[in-house]
PDB file of N, CA and C in Angstrom:
ATOM      1  N   MET A   1       2.221  -6.005  13.199  1.00  0.00           N
ATOM      2  CA  MET A   1       2.514  -5.532  11.868  1.00  0.00           C
ATOM      3  C   MET A   1       2.332  -4.011  11.866  1.00  0.00           C
ATOM      4  N   THR A   2       3.233  -3.303  11.209  1.00  0.00           N
ATOM      5  CA  THR A   2       3.128  -1.850  11.097  1.00  0.00           C
ATOM      6  C   THR A   2       2.120  -1.487  10.014  1.00  0.00           C
ATOM      7  N   LEU A   3       1.718  -0.226   9.981  1.00  0.00           N
ATOM      8  CA  LEU A   3       0.842   0.241   8.902  1.00  0.00           C
ATOM      9  C   LEU A   3       1.522   0.072   7.547  1.00  0.00           C
ATOM     10  N   GLY A   4       2.834   0.285   7.529  1.00  0.00           N
ATOM     11  CA  GLY A   4       3.583   0.109   6.282  1.00  0.00           C
ATOM     12  C   GLY A   4       3.526  -1.330   5.789  1.00  0.00           C
ATOM     13  N   ASN A   5       3.687  -2.277   6.715  1.00  0.00           N
ATOM     14  CA  ASN A   5       3.590  -3.696   6.347  1.00  0.00           C
ATOM     15  C   ASN A   5       2.195  -4.023   5.827  1.00  0.00           C
ATOM     16  N   ALA A   6       1.162  -3.486   6.506  1.00  0.00           N
ATOM     17  CA  ALA A   6      -0.216  -3.732   6.088  1.00  0.00           C
ATOM     18  C   ALA A   6      -0.467  -3.151   4.695  1.00  0.00           C
ATOM     19  N   TYR A   7       0.046  -1.937   4.457  1.00  0.00           N
ATOM     20  CA  TYR A   7      -0.103  -1.312   3.131  1.00  0.00           C
ATOM     21  C   TYR A   7       0.539  -2.185   2.059  1.00  0.00           C
ATOM     22  N   ILE A   8       1.758  -2.647   2.308  1.00  0.00           N
ATOM     23  CA  ILE A   8       2.460  -3.481   1.320  1.00  0.00           C
ATOM     24  C   ILE A   8       1.695  -4.772   1.056  1.00  0.00           C
ATOM     25  N   LYS A   9       1.173  -5.410   2.104  1.00  0.00           N
ATOM     26  CA  LYS A   9       0.393  -6.641   1.917  1.00  0.00           C
ATOM     27  C   LYS A   9      -0.835  -6.374   1.051  1.00  0.00           C
ATOM     28  N   ARG A  10      -1.528  -5.264   1.333  1.00  0.00           N
ATOM     29  CA  ARG A  10      -2.721  -4.918   0.548  1.00  0.00           C
ATOM     30  C   ARG A  10      -2.331  -4.602  -0.891  1.00  0.00           C
ATOM     31  N   LEU A  11      -1.264  -3.871  -1.083  1.00  0.00           N
ATOM     32  CA  LEU A  11      -0.783  -3.561  -2.422  1.00  0.00           C
ATOM     33  C   LEU A  11      -0.451  -4.844  -3.178  1.00  0.00           C
ATOM     34  N   GLU A  12       0.226  -5.768  -2.516  1.00  0.00           N
ATOM     35  CA  GLU A  12       0.574  -7.038  -3.159  1.00  0.00           C
ATOM     36  C   GLU A  12      -0.677  -7.817  -3.581  1.00  0.00           C
ATOM     37  N   GLN A  13      -1.758  -7.736  -2.784  1.00  0.00           N
ATOM     38  CA  GLN A  13      -3.016  -8.390  -3.164  1.00  0.00           C
ATOM     39  C   GLN A  13      -3.563  -7.793  -4.456  1.00  0.00           C
ATOM     40  N   TYR A  14      -3.577  -6.466  -4.529  1.00  0.00           N
ATOM     41  CA  TYR A  14      -4.070  -5.802  -5.734  1.00  0.00           C
ATOM     42  C   TYR A  14      -3.191  -6.125  -6.942  1.00  0.00           C
ATOM     43  N   LEU A  15      -1.881  -6.098  -6.744  1.00  0.00           N
ATOM     44  CA  LEU A  15      -0.979  -6.407  -7.857  1.00  0.00           C
ATOM     45  C   LEU A  15      -1.190  -7.828  -8.355  1.00  0.00           C
ATOM     46  N   LYS A  16      -1.362  -8.765  -7.433  1.00  0.00           N
ATOM     47  CA  LYS A  16      -1.590 -10.155  -7.818  1.00  0.00           C
ATOM     48  C   LYS A  16      -2.916 -10.299  -8.565  1.00  0.00           C
ATOM     49  N   ASP A  17      -3.968  -9.661  -8.045  1.00  0.00           N
ATOM     50  CA  ASP A  17      -5.288  -9.734  -8.688  1.00  0.00           C
ATOM     51  C   ASP A  17      -5.271  -9.162 -10.102  1.00  0.00           C
ATOM     52  N   LYS A  18      -4.446  -8.150 -10.312  1.00  0.00           N
ATOM     53  CA  LYS A  18      -4.358  -7.493 -11.628  1.00  0.00           C
ATOM     54  C   LYS A  18      -3.226  -8.051 -12.488  1.00  0.00           C
ATOM     55  N   SER A  19      -2.522  -9.073 -11.976  1.00  0.00           N
ATOM     56  CA  SER A  19      -1.357  -9.643 -12.682  1.00  0.00           C
ATOM     57  C   SER A  19      -0.406  -8.540 -13.121  1.00  0.00           C
ATOM     58  N   MET A  20      -0.020  -7.714 -12.172  1.00  0.00           N
ATOM     59  CA  MET A  20       0.799  -6.548 -12.454  1.00  0.00           C
ATOM     60  C   MET A  20       2.086  -6.605 -11.626  1.00  0.00           C
ATOM     61  N   THR A  21       3.130  -6.058 -12.175  1.00  0.00           N
ATOM     62  CA  THR A  21       4.400  -5.994 -11.465  1.00  0.00           C
ATOM     63  C   THR A  21       4.491  -4.702 -10.658  1.00  0.00           C
ATOM     64  N   ILE A  22       5.342  -4.714  -9.666  1.00  0.00           N
ATOM     65  CA  ILE A  22       5.583  -3.512  -8.880  1.00  0.00           C
ATOM     66  C   ILE A  22       6.200  -2.435  -9.760  1.00  0.00           C
ATOM     67  N   TYR A  23       7.002  -2.839 -10.721  1.00  0.00           N
ATOM     68  CA  TYR A  23       7.621  -1.883 -11.649  1.00  0.00           C
ATOM     69  C   TYR A  23       6.547  -1.097 -12.395  1.00  0.00           C
ATOM     70  N   ARG A  24       5.566  -1.790 -12.923  1.00  0.00           N
ATOM     71  CA  ARG A  24       4.492  -1.113 -13.666  1.00  0.00           C
ATOM     72  C   ARG A  24       3.684  -0.205 -12.745  1.00  0.00           C
ATOM     73  N   PHE A  25       3.404  -0.680 -11.545  1.00  0.00           N
ATOM     74  CA  PHE A  25       2.672   0.128 -10.580  1.00  0.00           C
ATOM     75  C   PHE A  25       3.414   1.433 -10.303  1.00  0.00           C
ATOM     76  N   VAL A  26       4.697   1.336  -9.997  1.00  0.00           N
ATOM     77  CA  VAL A  26       5.489   2.528  -9.692  1.00  0.00           C
ATOM     78  C   VAL A  26       5.556   3.454 -10.906  1.00  0.00           C
ATOM     79  N   LYS A  27       5.706   2.895 -12.066  1.00  0.00           N
ATOM     80  CA  LYS A  27       5.841   3.690 -13.281  1.00  0.00           C
ATOM     81  C   LYS A  27       4.599   4.532 -13.559  1.00  0.00           C
ATOM     82  N   TYR A  28       3.415   3.995 -13.310  1.00  0.00           N
ATOM     83  CA  TYR A  28       2.184   4.675 -13.699  1.00  0.00           C
ATOM     84  C   TYR A  28       1.360   5.246 -12.544  1.00  0.00           C
ATOM     85  N   SER A  29       1.703   4.944 -11.303  1.00  0.00           N
ATOM     86  CA  SER A  29       0.873   5.384 -10.181  1.00  0.00           C
ATOM     87  C   SER A  29       1.200   6.788  -9.680  1.00  0.00           C
ATOM     88  N   GLY A  30       2.408   7.241  -9.942  1.00  0.00           N
ATOM     89  CA  GLY A  30       2.827   8.529  -9.404  1.00  0.00           C
ATOM     90  C   GLY A  30       3.502   8.405  -8.046  1.00  0.00           C
ATOM     91  N   ILE A  31       3.654   7.179  -7.563  1.00  0.00           N
ATOM     92  CA  ILE A  31       4.334   6.924  -6.295  1.00  0.00           C
ATOM     93  C   ILE A  31       5.777   6.545  -6.601  1.00  0.00           C
ATOM     94  N   SER A  32       6.694   7.141  -5.879  1.00  0.00           N
ATOM     95  CA  SER A  32       8.108   6.865  -6.163  1.00  0.00           C
ATOM     96  C   SER A  32       8.507   5.471  -5.698  1.00  0.00           C
ATOM     97  N   ARG A  33       9.469   4.927  -6.388  1.00  0.00           N
ATOM     98  CA  ARG A  33      10.000   3.618  -6.008  1.00  0.00           C
ATOM     99  C   ARG A  33      10.586   3.677  -4.596  1.00  0.00           C
ATOM    100  N   SER A  34      11.204   4.797  -4.255  1.00  0.00           N
ATOM    101  CA  SER A  34      11.804   4.914  -2.928  1.00  0.00           C
ATOM    102  C   SER A  34      10.734   4.878  -1.835  1.00  0.00           C
ATOM    103  N   ALA A  35       9.555   5.425  -2.084  1.00  0.00           N
ATOM    104  CA  ALA A  35       8.476   5.365  -1.086  1.00  0.00           C
ATOM    105  C   ALA A  35       8.073   3.918  -0.832  1.00  0.00           C
ATOM    106  N   ILE A  36       7.954   3.138  -1.891  1.00  0.00           N
ATOM    107  CA  ILE A  36       7.588   1.724  -1.757  1.00  0.00           C
ATOM    108  C   ILE A  36       8.728   0.955  -1.084  1.00  0.00           C
ATOM    109  N   THR A  37       9.952   1.227  -1.487  1.00  0.00           N
ATOM    110  CA  THR A  37      11.111   0.556  -0.884  1.00  0.00           C
ATOM    111  C   THR A  37      11.204   0.868   0.606  1.00  0.00           C
ATOM    112  N   ASN A  38      10.984   2.119   0.975  1.00  0.00           N
ATOM    113  CA  ASN A  38      11.040   2.503   2.391  1.00  0.00           C
ATOM    114  C   ASN A  38       9.985   1.773   3.209  1.00  0.00           C
ATOM    115  N   LEU A  39       8.807   1.573   2.651  1.00  0.00           N
ATOM    116  CA  LEU A  39       7.763   0.833   3.362  1.00  0.00           C
ATOM    117  C   LEU A  39       8.109  -0.647   3.438  1.00  0.00           C
ATOM    118  N   THR A  40       8.681  -1.184   2.391  1.00  0.00           N
ATOM    119  CA  THR A  40       9.042  -2.597   2.348  1.00  0.00           C
ATOM    120  C   THR A  40      10.154  -2.924   3.340  1.00  0.00           C
ATOM    121  N   THR A  41      11.116  -2.027   3.478  1.00  0.00           N
ATOM    122  CA  THR A  41      12.273  -2.280   4.334  1.00  0.00           C
ATOM    123  C   THR A  41      12.110  -1.708   5.741  1.00  0.00           C
ATOM    124  N   ASN A  42      10.921  -1.219   6.055  1.00  0.00           N
ATOM    125  CA  ASN A  42      10.610  -0.627   7.359  1.00  0.00           C
ATOM    126  C   ASN A  42      11.403   0.636   7.667  1.00  0.00           C
ATOM    127  N   ASN A  43      11.978   1.284   6.654  1.00  0.00           N
ATOM    128  CA  ASN A  43      12.590   2.598   6.872  1.00  0.00           C
ATOM    129  C   ASN A  43      11.502   3.632   7.154  1.00  0.00           C
ATOM    130  N   SER A  44      10.312   3.353   6.660  1.00  0.00           N
ATOM    131  CA  SER A  44       9.146   4.176   6.949  1.00  0.00           C
ATOM    132  C   SER A  44       8.087   3.237   7.518  1.00  0.00           C
ATOM    133  N   ARG A  45       7.555   3.548   8.674  1.00  0.00           N
ATOM    134  CA  ARG A  45       6.630   2.641   9.340  1.00  0.00           C
ATOM    135  C   ARG A  45       5.191   2.806   8.872  1.00  0.00           C
ATOM    136  N   SER A  46       4.889   3.907   8.171  1.00  0.00           N
ATOM    137  CA  SER A  46       3.516   4.069   7.695  1.00  0.00           C
ATOM    138  C   SER A  46       3.493   4.871   6.402  1.00  0.00           C
ATOM    139  N   PRO A  47       2.564   4.521   5.519  1.00  0.00           N
ATOM    140  CA  PRO A  47       2.440   5.255   4.261  1.00  0.00           C
ATOM    141  C   PRO A  47       1.780   6.605   4.509  1.00  0.00           C
ATOM    142  N   THR A  48       2.062   7.544   3.652  1.00  0.00           N
ATOM    143  CA  THR A  48       1.387   8.834   3.751  1.00  0.00           C
ATOM    144  C   THR A  48      -0.015   8.714   3.180  1.00  0.00           C
ATOM    145  N   LEU A  49      -0.861   9.658   3.519  1.00  0.00           N
ATOM    146  CA  LEU A  49      -2.210   9.679   2.957  1.00  0.00           C
ATOM    147  C   LEU A  49      -2.139   9.819   1.439  1.00  0.00           C
ATOM    148  N   LYS A  50      -1.174  10.590   0.961  1.00  0.00           N
ATOM    149  CA  LYS A  50      -0.995  10.761  -0.486  1.00  0.00           C
ATOM    150  C   LYS A  50      -0.688   9.417  -1.148  1.00  0.00           C
ATOM    151  N   THR A  51       0.163   8.608  -0.534  1.00  0.00           N
ATOM    152  CA  THR A  51       0.496   7.296  -1.082  1.00  0.00           C
ATOM    153  C   THR A  51      -0.739   6.407  -1.143  1.00  0.00           C
ATOM    154  N   ILE A  52      -1.525   6.415  -0.081  1.00  0.00           N
ATOM    155  CA  ILE A  52      -2.749   5.605  -0.063  1.00  0.00           C
ATOM    156  C   ILE A  52      -3.729   6.122  -1.120  1.00  0.00           C
ATOM    157  N   TYR A  53      -3.873   7.435  -1.209  1.00  0.00           N
ATOM    158  CA  TYR A  53      -4.771   8.028  -2.196  1.00  0.00           C
ATOM    159  C   TYR A  53      -4.349   7.662  -3.625  1.00  0.00           C
ATOM    160  N   LEU A  54      -3.072   7.835  -3.932  1.00  0.00           N
ATOM    161  CA  LEU A  54      -2.592   7.526  -5.284  1.00  0.00           C
ATOM    162  C   LEU A  54      -2.738   6.042  -5.604  1.00  0.00           C
ATOM    163  N   THR A  55      -2.543   5.196  -4.614  1.00  0.00           N
ATOM    164  CA  THR A  55      -2.703   3.759  -4.815  1.00  0.00           C
ATOM    165  C   THR A  55      -4.156   3.433  -5.124  1.00  0.00           C
ATOM    166  N   ALA A  56      -5.066   3.954  -4.320  1.00  0.00           N
ATOM    167  CA  ALA A  56      -6.493   3.702  -4.541  1.00  0.00           C
ATOM    168  C   ALA A  56      -6.924   4.237  -5.901  1.00  0.00           C
ATOM    169  N   ARG A  57      -6.488   5.434  -6.234  1.00  0.00           N
ATOM    170  CA  ARG A  57      -6.840   6.023  -7.536  1.00  0.00           C
ATOM    171  C   ARG A  57      -6.297   5.180  -8.681  1.00  0.00           C
ATOM    172  N   PHE A  58      -5.070   4.698  -8.551  1.00  0.00           N
ATOM    173  CA  PHE A  58      -4.480   3.873  -9.602  1.00  0.00           C
ATOM    174  C   PHE A  58      -5.322   2.619  -9.862  1.00  0.00           C
ATOM    175  N   PHE A  59      -5.810   1.996  -8.775  1.00  0.00           N
ATOM    176  CA  PHE A  59      -6.614   0.783  -8.926  1.00  0.00           C
ATOM    177  C   PHE A  59      -8.103   1.078  -9.093  1.00  0.00           C
ATOM    178  N   ASN A  60      -8.430   2.364  -9.215  1.00  0.00           N
ATOM    179  CA  ASN A  60      -9.805   2.798  -9.479  1.00  0.00           C
ATOM    180  C   ASN A  60     -10.772   2.343  -8.380  1.00  0.00           C
ATOM    181  N   VAL A  61     -10.331   2.482  -7.132  1.00  0.00           N
ATOM    182  CA  VAL A  61     -11.167   2.177  -5.972  1.00  0.00           C
ATOM    183  C   VAL A  61     -11.089   3.367  -5.008  1.00  0.00           C
ATOM    184  N   SER A  62     -12.013   3.428  -4.078  1.00  0.00           N
ATOM    185  CA  SER A  62     -11.960   4.482  -3.070  1.00  0.00           C
ATOM    186  C   SER A  62     -10.903   4.126  -2.022  1.00  0.00           C
ATOM    187  N   ILE A  63     -10.487   5.127  -1.272  1.00  0.00           N
ATOM    188  CA  ILE A  63      -9.547   4.878  -0.183  1.00  0.00           C
ATOM    189  C   ILE A  63     -10.168   3.895   0.803  1.00  0.00           C
ATOM    190  N   LEU A  64     -11.441   4.075   1.078  1.00  0.00           N
ATOM    191  CA  LEU A  64     -12.126   3.175   2.016  1.00  0.00           C
ATOM    192  C   LEU A  64     -12.116   1.737   1.517  1.00  0.00           C
ATOM    193  N   GLU A  65     -12.314   1.555   0.233  1.00  0.00           N
ATOM    194  CA  GLU A  65     -12.274   0.195  -0.316  1.00  0.00           C
ATOM    195  C   GLU A  65     -10.874  -0.396  -0.209  1.00  0.00           C
ATOM    196  N   PHE A  66      -9.858   0.414  -0.472  1.00  0.00           N
ATOM    197  CA  PHE A  66      -8.488  -0.077  -0.357  1.00  0.00           C
ATOM    198  C   PHE A  66      -8.180  -0.500   1.078  1.00  0.00           C
ATOM    199  N   LEU A  67      -8.671   0.279   2.046  1.00  0.00           N
ATOM    200  CA  LEU A  67      -8.391  -0.007   3.454  1.00  0.00           C
ATOM    201  C   LEU A  67      -9.315  -1.060   4.054  1.00  0.00           C
ATOM    202  N   ASP A  68     -10.330  -1.467   3.317  1.00  0.00           N
ATOM    203  CA  ASP A  68     -11.284  -2.464   3.812  1.00  0.00           C
ATOM    204  C   ASP A  68     -10.698  -3.867   3.646  1.00  0.00           C
ATOM    205  N   CYS A  69      -9.819  -4.214   4.584  1.00  0.00           N
ATOM    206  CA  CYS A  69      -9.102  -5.480   4.515  1.00  0.00           C
ATOM    207  C   CYS A  69      -8.674  -5.870   5.932  1.00  0.00           C
ATOM    208  N   ASP A  70      -8.642  -7.152   6.203  1.00  0.00           N
ATOM    209  CA  ASP A  70      -8.281  -7.639   7.538  1.00  0.00           C
ATOM    210  C   ASP A  70      -6.910  -7.170   8.012  1.00  0.00           C
ATOM    211  N   VAL A  71      -5.989  -6.913   7.097  1.00  0.00           N
ATOM    212  CA  VAL A  71      -4.653  -6.494   7.534  1.00  0.00           C
ATOM    213  C   VAL A  71      -4.686  -5.153   8.251  1.00  0.00           C
ATOM    214  N   PHE A  72      -5.731  -4.371   8.043  1.00  0.00           N
ATOM    215  CA  PHE A  72      -5.851  -3.069   8.696  1.00  0.00           C
ATOM    216  C   PHE A  72      -6.690  -3.118   9.974  1.00  0.00           C
ATOM    217  N   ASN A  73      -7.115  -4.293  10.403  1.00  0.00           N
ATOM    218  CA  ASN A  73      -7.859  -4.411  11.659  1.00  0.00           C
ATOM    219  C   ASN A  73      -6.937  -4.110  12.836  1.00  0.00           C
ATOM    220  N   ASP A  74      -7.514  -3.508  13.867  1.00  0.00           N
ATOM    221  CA  ASP A  74      -6.718  -3.102  15.033  1.00  0.00           C
ATOM    222  C   ASP A  74      -5.904  -4.231  15.640  1.00  0.00           C
ATOM    223  N   GLU A  75      -6.477  -5.428  15.704  1.00  0.00           N
ATOM    224  CA  GLU A  75      -5.757  -6.531  16.342  1.00  0.00           C
ATOM    225  C   GLU A  75      -4.541  -6.988  15.540  1.00  0.00           C
ATOM    226  N   ASN A  76      -4.452  -6.575  14.281  1.00  0.00           N
ATOM    227  CA  ASN A  76      -3.318  -6.955  13.441  1.00  0.00           C
ATOM    228  C   ASN A  76      -2.218  -5.898  13.398  1.00  0.00           C
ATOM    229  N   LEU A  77      -2.504  -4.697  13.911  1.00  0.00           N
ATOM    230  CA  LEU A  77      -1.579  -3.580  13.756  1.00  0.00           C
ATOM    231  C   LEU A  77      -0.868  -3.211  15.046  1.00  0.00           C
ATOM    232  N   GLU A  78       0.376  -2.799  14.888  1.00  0.00           N
ATOM    233  CA  GLU A  78       1.161  -2.225  15.972  1.00  0.00           C
ATOM    234  C   GLU A  78       1.218  -0.716  15.726  1.00  0.00           C
ATOM    235  N   ILE A  79       0.520   0.022  16.524  1.00  0.00           N
ATOM    236  CA  ILE A  79       0.492   1.479  16.342  1.00  0.00           C
ATOM    237  C   ILE A  79       1.371   2.103  17.422  1.00  0.00           C
ATOM    238  N   GLU A  80       2.313   2.901  16.962  1.00  0.00           N
ATOM    239  CA  GLU A  80       3.216   3.591  17.903  1.00  0.00           C
ATOM    240  C   GLU A  80       2.996   5.073  17.832  1.00  0.00           C
TER     241      GLU A  80
END
């Protein structure tokens, strides 16, 4: 799994926990829809630090808390 795939999986967990749509997230997070689409379609293999920061800030958690998930473990990631 790429970092982009891992980010999307983690984002989907937060959206599900908050009963929120991707539309609402994009509208209020400051992250462009194209950035999310590029990660979803593998046009971009990894999110930028800014994207991770804005996501964590939107959900009122630290970056470390956002990244504290099994999907980001080394054995799950393909790093190129």
